[in-house]
């Protein structure tokens, strides 16, 4: 037939030359090594890994001033425990999340709580007090002891429940659901379930 070589040796020779050229090209790439862009990328990845591996435990102070329909005016202090890379500085702003505890005495009652929250804020020169909260939310289990002038009957009771709060541009709004632990005659709860609200400043 026309167009076919008279000997298959020609095809073998062409294949050997092609394979030899491919091997030489691979050797040249191996000798040249990675380019500068690849080296910079590897360095950046190593730096990120190092920062993620150097986490430390920290605590940040929290505070809140608010009006609550059961407590009246109150002021609270608390602390949040977090894990952060060592290079993070919250003096000009950072995001944190973790478990926290808080105690909040007021005119007509005192409240203690344990919960979980996230926030974006800054400590300024205080280093550990998160005095400015730009945005955040929290859910906490709370126990409140009322006294003084409250809408409850009797006025002095122990309440237990849950509180959800949202802070936006330093303003804080909270919604609580309580159950009274007080039992009257015949072990009947004079106040069963109740919903209360609060608003103020802080977290």
C-alpha atoms as a PDB file:
ATOM      1  CA  UNK A   1       0.000   0.000   0.000  1.00  0.00           C
ATOM      2  CA  UNK A   2       1.168   3.541  -0.702  1.00  0.00           C
ATOM      3  CA  UNK A   3       2.260   5.826   2.200  1.00  0.00           C
ATOM      4  CA  UNK A   4       3.461   3.025   4.523  1.00  0.00           C
ATOM      5  CA  UNK A   5       7.163   2.692   5.430  1.00  0.00           C
ATOM      6  CA  UNK A   6       8.888  -0.412   4.109  1.00  0.00           C
ATOM      7  CA  UNK A   7      10.447  -1.113   7.547  1.00  0.00           C
ATOM      8  CA  UNK A   8       8.904  -0.866  11.061  1.00  0.00           C
ATOM      9  CA  UNK A   9      12.301   0.217  12.383  1.00  0.00           C
ATOM     10  CA  UNK A  10      11.584   3.802  11.351  1.00  0.00           C
ATOM     11  CA  UNK A  11       8.615   3.955  13.752  1.00  0.00           C
ATOM     12  CA  UNK A  12      10.706   2.602  16.589  1.00  0.00           C
ATOM     13  CA  UNK A  13      13.363   5.228  15.914  1.00  0.00           C
ATOM     14  CA  UNK A  14      10.797   8.045  16.006  1.00  0.00           C
ATOM     15  CA  UNK A  15       9.364   6.773  19.329  1.00  0.00           C
ATOM     16  CA  UNK A  16      12.808   6.551  20.932  1.00  0.00           C
ATOM     17  CA  UNK A  17      13.685  10.108  19.908  1.00  0.00           C
ATOM     18  CA  UNK A  18      10.386  11.427  21.302  1.00  0.00           C
ATOM     19  CA  UNK A  19      10.845   9.653  24.640  1.00  0.00           C
ATOM     20  CA  UNK A  20      14.407  10.930  24.903  1.00  0.00           C
ATOM     21  CA  UNK A  21      13.227  14.514  24.427  1.00  0.00           C
ATOM     22  CA  UNK A  22      10.556  14.103  27.154  1.00  0.00           C
ATOM     23  CA  UNK A  23      13.078  12.749  29.647  1.00  0.00           C
ATOM     24  CA  UNK A  24      15.463  15.619  28.963  1.00  0.00           C
ATOM     25  CA  UNK A  25      12.669  18.173  29.471  1.00  0.00           C
ATOM     26  CA  UNK A  26      11.710  16.605  32.809  1.00  0.00           C
ATOM     27  CA  UNK A  27      15.314  16.647  33.996  1.00  0.00           C
ATOM     28  CA  UNK A  28      15.617  20.315  33.072  1.00  0.00           C
ATOM     29  CA  UNK A  29      12.513  21.198  35.144  1.00  0.00           C
ATOM     30  CA  UNK A  30      13.797  19.218  38.115  1.00  0.00           C
ATOM     31  CA  UNK A  31      17.151  20.988  38.009  1.00  0.00           C
ATOM     32  CA  UNK A  32      15.649  24.442  37.698  1.00  0.00           C
ATOM     33  CA  UNK A  33      13.501  23.902  40.873  1.00  0.00           C
ATOM     34  CA  UNK A  34      10.449  25.941  41.963  1.00  0.00           C
ATOM     35  CA  UNK A  35      10.104  29.514  40.831  1.00  0.00           C
ATOM     36  CA  UNK A  36      10.021  32.559  43.135  1.00  0.00           C
ATOM     37  CA  UNK A  37       6.215  32.622  43.167  1.00  0.00           C
ATOM     38  CA  UNK A  38       6.069  29.051  44.466  1.00  0.00           C
ATOM     39  CA  UNK A  39       8.619  29.813  47.169  1.00  0.00           C
ATOM     40  CA  UNK A  40       6.620  32.827  48.366  1.00  0.00           C
ATOM     41  CA  UNK A  41       3.444  30.764  48.501  1.00  0.00           C
ATOM     42  CA  UNK A  42       5.152  28.053  50.540  1.00  0.00           C
ATOM     43  CA  UNK A  43       6.498  30.677  52.936  1.00  0.00           C
ATOM     44  CA  UNK A  44       3.045  32.205  53.390  1.00  0.00           C
ATOM     45  CA  UNK A  45       1.507  28.780  54.070  1.00  0.00           C
ATOM     46  CA  UNK A  46       4.209  28.006  56.645  1.00  0.00           C
ATOM     47  CA  UNK A  47       3.499  31.319  58.381  1.00  0.00           C
ATOM     48  CA  UNK A  48      -0.247  30.605  58.532  1.00  0.00           C
ATOM     49  CA  UNK A  49       0.389  27.130  59.954  1.00  0.00           C
ATOM     50  CA  UNK A  50       2.705  28.567  62.589  1.00  0.00           C
ATOM     51  CA  UNK A  51       0.139  31.172  63.658  1.00  0.00           C
ATOM     52  CA  UNK A  52      -2.610  28.564  63.925  1.00  0.00           C
ATOM     53  CA  UNK A  53      -0.388  26.256  65.945  1.00  0.00           C
ATOM     54  CA  UNK A  54       0.515  28.954  68.503  1.00  0.00           C
ATOM     55  CA  UNK A  55      -2.895  29.323  70.165  1.00  0.00           C
ATOM     56  CA  UNK A  56      -3.142  30.459  73.768  1.00  0.00           C
ATOM     57  CA  UNK A  57      -5.950  30.718  76.294  1.00  0.00           C
ATOM     58  CA  UNK A  58      -7.049  34.228  77.225  1.00  0.00           C
ATOM     59  CA  UNK A  59      -9.850  35.847  79.166  1.00  0.00           C
ATOM     60  CA  UNK A  60     -11.643  39.121  78.433  1.00  0.00           C
ATOM     61  CA  UNK A  61     -13.717  41.143  80.844  1.00  0.00           C
ATOM     62  CA  UNK A  62     -17.338  41.965  79.949  1.00  0.00           C
ATOM     63  CA  UNK A  63     -19.725  44.538  81.380  1.00  0.00           C
ATOM     64  CA  UNK A  64     -23.326  45.597  80.956  1.00  0.00           C
ATOM     65  CA  UNK A  65     -25.596  48.387  82.212  1.00  0.00           C
ATOM     66  CA  UNK A  66     -29.311  47.899  81.575  1.00  0.00           C
ATOM     67  CA  UNK A  67     -32.877  48.306  82.669  1.00  0.00           C
ATOM     68  CA  UNK A  68     -34.758  45.047  83.277  1.00  0.00           C
ATOM     69  CA  UNK A  69     -38.449  44.718  84.041  1.00  0.00           C
ATOM     70  CA  UNK A  70     -37.734  42.506  87.083  1.00  0.00           C
ATOM     71  CA  UNK A  71     -34.370  43.815  88.300  1.00  0.00           C
ATOM     72  CA  UNK A  72     -34.862  47.475  87.523  1.00  0.00           C
ATOM     73  CA  UNK A  73     -31.547  49.172  86.797  1.00  0.00           C
ATOM     74  CA  UNK A  74     -28.582  46.812  87.034  1.00  0.00           C
ATOM     75  CA  UNK A  75     -24.884  46.579  86.278  1.00  0.00           C
ATOM     76  CA  UNK A  76     -23.087  43.367  85.387  1.00  0.00           C
ATOM     77  CA  UNK A  77     -19.498  42.129  85.181  1.00  0.00           C
ATOM     78  CA  UNK A  78     -18.272  38.928  83.613  1.00  0.00           C
ATOM     79  CA  UNK A  79     -15.414  37.169  81.856  1.00  0.00           C
ATOM     80  CA  UNK A  80     -15.163  35.212  78.597  1.00  0.00           C
ATOM     81  CA  UNK A  81     -12.577  32.473  78.092  1.00  0.00           C
ATOM     82  CA  UNK A  82     -11.249  32.155  74.528  1.00  0.00           C
ATOM     83  CA  UNK A  83      -8.480  30.549  72.460  1.00  0.00           C
ATOM     84  CA  UNK A  84      -6.583  32.942  70.202  1.00  0.00           C
ATOM     85  CA  UNK A  85      -3.358  33.059  68.199  1.00  0.00           C
ATOM     86  CA  UNK A  86      -0.653  34.881  70.138  1.00  0.00           C
ATOM     87  CA  UNK A  87      -0.272  37.593  67.500  1.00  0.00           C
ATOM     88  CA  UNK A  88      -3.925  38.759  67.794  1.00  0.00           C
ATOM     89  CA  UNK A  89      -4.282  42.194  69.413  1.00  0.00           C
ATOM     90  CA  UNK A  90      -7.800  43.221  70.454  1.00  0.00           C
ATOM     91  CA  UNK A  91      -6.910  46.789  71.391  1.00  0.00           C
ATOM     92  CA  UNK A  92      -8.096  48.010  67.982  1.00  0.00           C
ATOM     93  CA  UNK A  93     -10.709  45.305  67.416  1.00  0.00           C
ATOM     94  CA  UNK A  94     -11.052  41.544  67.063  1.00  0.00           C
ATOM     95  CA  UNK A  95     -13.621  38.752  67.007  1.00  0.00           C
ATOM     96  CA  UNK A  96     -13.859  36.347  69.947  1.00  0.00           C
ATOM     97  CA  UNK A  97     -16.109  33.501  70.992  1.00  0.00           C
ATOM     98  CA  UNK A  98     -16.295  31.207  73.989  1.00  0.00           C
ATOM     99  CA  UNK A  99     -17.867  30.347  77.336  1.00  0.00           C
ATOM    100  CA  UNK A 100     -18.468  33.139  79.814  1.00  0.00           C
ATOM    101  CA  UNK A 101     -19.768  33.761  83.317  1.00  0.00           C
ATOM    102  CA  UNK A 102     -21.433  36.945  84.581  1.00  0.00           C
ATOM    103  CA  UNK A 103     -22.928  38.401  87.760  1.00  0.00           C
ATOM    104  CA  UNK A 104     -25.388  41.296  87.583  1.00  0.00           C
ATOM    105  CA  UNK A 105     -26.779  42.955  90.726  1.00  0.00           C
ATOM    106  CA  UNK A 106     -29.664  45.388  90.351  1.00  0.00           C
ATOM    107  CA  UNK A 107     -32.041  47.542  92.365  1.00  0.00           C
ATOM    108  CA  UNK A 108     -34.655  44.796  92.682  1.00  0.00           C
ATOM    109  CA  UNK A 109     -32.686  41.603  92.121  1.00  0.00           C
ATOM    110  CA  UNK A 110     -29.374  39.935  91.415  1.00  0.00           C
ATOM    111  CA  UNK A 111     -28.689  37.591  88.503  1.00  0.00           C
ATOM    112  CA  UNK A 112     -25.911  35.117  87.727  1.00  0.00           C
ATOM    113  CA  UNK A 113     -25.404  33.324  84.450  1.00  0.00           C
ATOM    114  CA  UNK A 114     -23.211  30.953  82.445  1.00  0.00           C
ATOM    115  CA  UNK A 115     -23.373  30.852  78.664  1.00  0.00           C
ATOM    116  CA  UNK A 116     -21.810  30.933  75.229  1.00  0.00           C
ATOM    117  CA  UNK A 117     -21.318  34.011  73.072  1.00  0.00           C
ATOM    118  CA  UNK A 118     -19.626  35.604  70.092  1.00  0.00           C
ATOM    119  CA  UNK A 119     -18.728  39.242  69.648  1.00  0.00           C
ATOM    120  CA  UNK A 120     -16.700  41.744  67.688  1.00  0.00           C
ATOM    121  CA  UNK A 121     -15.244  44.426  69.926  1.00  0.00           C
ATOM    122  CA  UNK A 122     -12.162  46.185  71.192  1.00  0.00           C
ATOM    123  CA  UNK A 123     -10.308  46.583  74.464  1.00  0.00           C
ATOM    124  CA  UNK A 124      -8.447  49.822  73.772  1.00  0.00           C
ATOM    125  CA  UNK A 125      -5.784  50.500  76.392  1.00  0.00           C
ATOM    126  CA  UNK A 126      -7.429  48.219  78.954  1.00  0.00           C
ATOM    127  CA  UNK A 127      -5.907  45.161  77.222  1.00  0.00           C
ATOM    128  CA  UNK A 128      -8.434  42.701  78.715  1.00  0.00           C
ATOM    129  CA  UNK A 129     -11.705  44.603  79.228  1.00  0.00           C
ATOM    130  CA  UNK A 130     -13.928  44.408  76.137  1.00  0.00           C
ATOM    131  CA  UNK A 131     -15.454  47.826  76.785  1.00  0.00           C
ATOM    132  CA  UNK A 132     -16.747  48.418  73.235  1.00  0.00           C
ATOM    133  CA  UNK A 133     -18.880  45.739  71.561  1.00  0.00           C
ATOM    134  CA  UNK A 134     -19.736  46.509  67.949  1.00  0.00           C
ATOM    135  CA  UNK A 135     -21.787  43.350  67.437  1.00  0.00           C
ATOM    136  CA  UNK A 136     -22.409  40.184  69.409  1.00  0.00           C
ATOM    137  CA  UNK A 137     -24.888  37.606  70.607  1.00  0.00           C
ATOM    138  CA  UNK A 138     -25.123  35.305  73.611  1.00  0.00           C
ATOM    139  CA  UNK A 139     -27.235  32.559  75.151  1.00  0.00           C
ATOM    140  CA  UNK A 140     -26.951  31.905  78.870  1.00  0.00           C
ATOM    141  CA  UNK A 141     -28.584  29.947  81.640  1.00  0.00           C
ATOM    142  CA  UNK A 142     -29.472  32.294  84.502  1.00  0.00           C
ATOM    143  CA  UNK A 143     -30.633  32.254  88.106  1.00  0.00           C
ATOM    144  CA  UNK A 144     -32.167  35.402  89.581  1.00  0.00           C
ATOM    145  CA  UNK A 145     -33.063  36.306  93.134  1.00  0.00           C
ATOM    146  CA  UNK A 146     -35.553  39.143  93.371  1.00  0.00           C
ATOM    147  CA  UNK A 147     -36.061  41.566  96.246  1.00  0.00           C
ATOM    148  CA  UNK A 148     -37.524  45.020  96.677  1.00  0.00           C
ATOM    149  CA  UNK A 149     -40.253  46.403  94.442  1.00  0.00           C
ATOM    150  CA  UNK A 150     -41.026  43.779  91.763  1.00  0.00           C
ATOM    151  CA  UNK A 151     -44.261  42.832  89.974  1.00  0.00           C
ATOM    152  CA  UNK A 152     -44.005  39.337  91.455  1.00  0.00           C
ATOM    153  CA  UNK A 153     -45.993  37.966  94.345  1.00  0.00           C
ATOM    154  CA  UNK A 154     -44.336  37.525  96.693  1.00  0.00           C
ATOM    155  CA  UNK A 155     -41.698  40.055  95.686  1.00  0.00           C
ATOM    156  CA  UNK A 156     -38.737  37.981  96.911  1.00  0.00           C
ATOM    157  CA  UNK A 157     -38.382  34.849  94.805  1.00  0.00           C
ATOM    158  CA  UNK A 158     -35.773  32.693  93.131  1.00  0.00           C
ATOM    159  CA  UNK A 159     -36.140  32.332  89.360  1.00  0.00           C
ATOM    160  CA  UNK A 160     -34.310  30.075  86.915  1.00  0.00           C
ATOM    161  CA  UNK A 161     -34.340  30.201  83.134  1.00  0.00           C
ATOM    162  CA  UNK A 162     -32.631  31.131  79.880  1.00  0.00           C
ATOM    163  CA  UNK A 163     -31.647  34.492  78.445  1.00  0.00           C
ATOM    164  CA  UNK A 164     -30.779  35.420  74.859  1.00  0.00           C
ATOM    165  CA  UNK A 165     -29.081  38.719  74.116  1.00  0.00           C
ATOM    166  CA  UNK A 166     -27.966  40.719  71.092  1.00  0.00           C
ATOM    167  CA  UNK A 167     -25.582  43.684  71.119  1.00  0.00           C
ATOM    168  CA  UNK A 168     -25.368  46.078  68.198  1.00  0.00           C
ATOM    169  CA  UNK A 169     -23.271  49.257  68.213  1.00  0.00           C
ATOM    170  CA  UNK A 170     -22.913  49.042  72.020  1.00  0.00           C
ATOM    171  CA  UNK A 171     -26.681  48.684  72.601  1.00  0.00           C
ATOM    172  CA  UNK A 172     -27.851  45.454  74.233  1.00  0.00           C
ATOM    173  CA  UNK A 173     -31.284  43.844  74.020  1.00  0.00           C
ATOM    174  CA  UNK A 174     -32.208  40.747  76.037  1.00  0.00           C
ATOM    175  CA  UNK A 175     -35.167  38.387  76.236  1.00  0.00           C
ATOM    176  CA  UNK A 176     -35.528  35.977  79.168  1.00  0.00           C
ATOM    177  CA  UNK A 177     -37.812  33.076  80.016  1.00  0.00           C
ATOM    178  CA  UNK A 178     -38.020  32.278  83.751  1.00  0.00           C
ATOM    179  CA  UNK A 179     -39.697  29.717  85.936  1.00  0.00           C
ATOM    180  CA  UNK A 180     -40.295  30.568  89.570  1.00  0.00           C
ATOM    181  CA  UNK A 181     -38.853  28.191  92.156  1.00  0.00           C
ATOM    182  CA  UNK A 182     -41.206  29.576  94.821  1.00  0.00           C
ATOM    183  CA  UNK A 183     -44.021  27.307  95.926  1.00  0.00           C
ATOM    184  CA  UNK A 184     -47.001  28.553  97.873  1.00  0.00           C
ATOM    185  CA  UNK A 185     -49.531  26.678  99.993  1.00  0.00           C
ATOM    186  CA  UNK A 186     -50.195  23.239  98.617  1.00  0.00           C
ATOM    187  CA  UNK A 187     -46.934  23.393  96.615  1.00  0.00           C
ATOM    188  CA  UNK A 188     -48.648  25.490  93.948  1.00  0.00           C
ATOM    189  CA  UNK A 189     -46.431  27.872  91.981  1.00  0.00           C
ATOM    190  CA  UNK A 190     -47.708  31.406  92.365  1.00  0.00           C
ATOM    191  CA  UNK A 191     -45.651  32.394  89.300  1.00  0.00           C
ATOM    192  CA  UNK A 192     -45.137  29.561  86.819  1.00  0.00           C
ATOM    193  CA  UNK A 193     -43.489  30.676  83.534  1.00  0.00           C
ATOM    194  CA  UNK A 194     -42.825  34.310  82.705  1.00  0.00           C
ATOM    195  CA  UNK A 195     -41.112  36.318  79.960  1.00  0.00           C
ATOM    196  CA  UNK A 196     -39.059  39.416  80.714  1.00  0.00           C
ATOM    197  CA  UNK A 197     -37.072  41.903  78.644  1.00  0.00           C
ATOM    198  CA  UNK A 198     -34.197  44.281  79.125  1.00  0.00           C
ATOM    199  CA  UNK A 199     -32.200  46.853  77.222  1.00  0.00           C
ATOM    200  CA  UNK A 200     -29.052  48.808  77.929  1.00  0.00           C
ATOM    201  CA  UNK A 201     -25.376  49.128  77.026  1.00  0.00           C
ATOM    202  CA  UNK A 202     -22.683  46.452  76.817  1.00  0.00           C
ATOM    203  CA  UNK A 203     -22.763  42.691  76.319  1.00  0.00           C
END
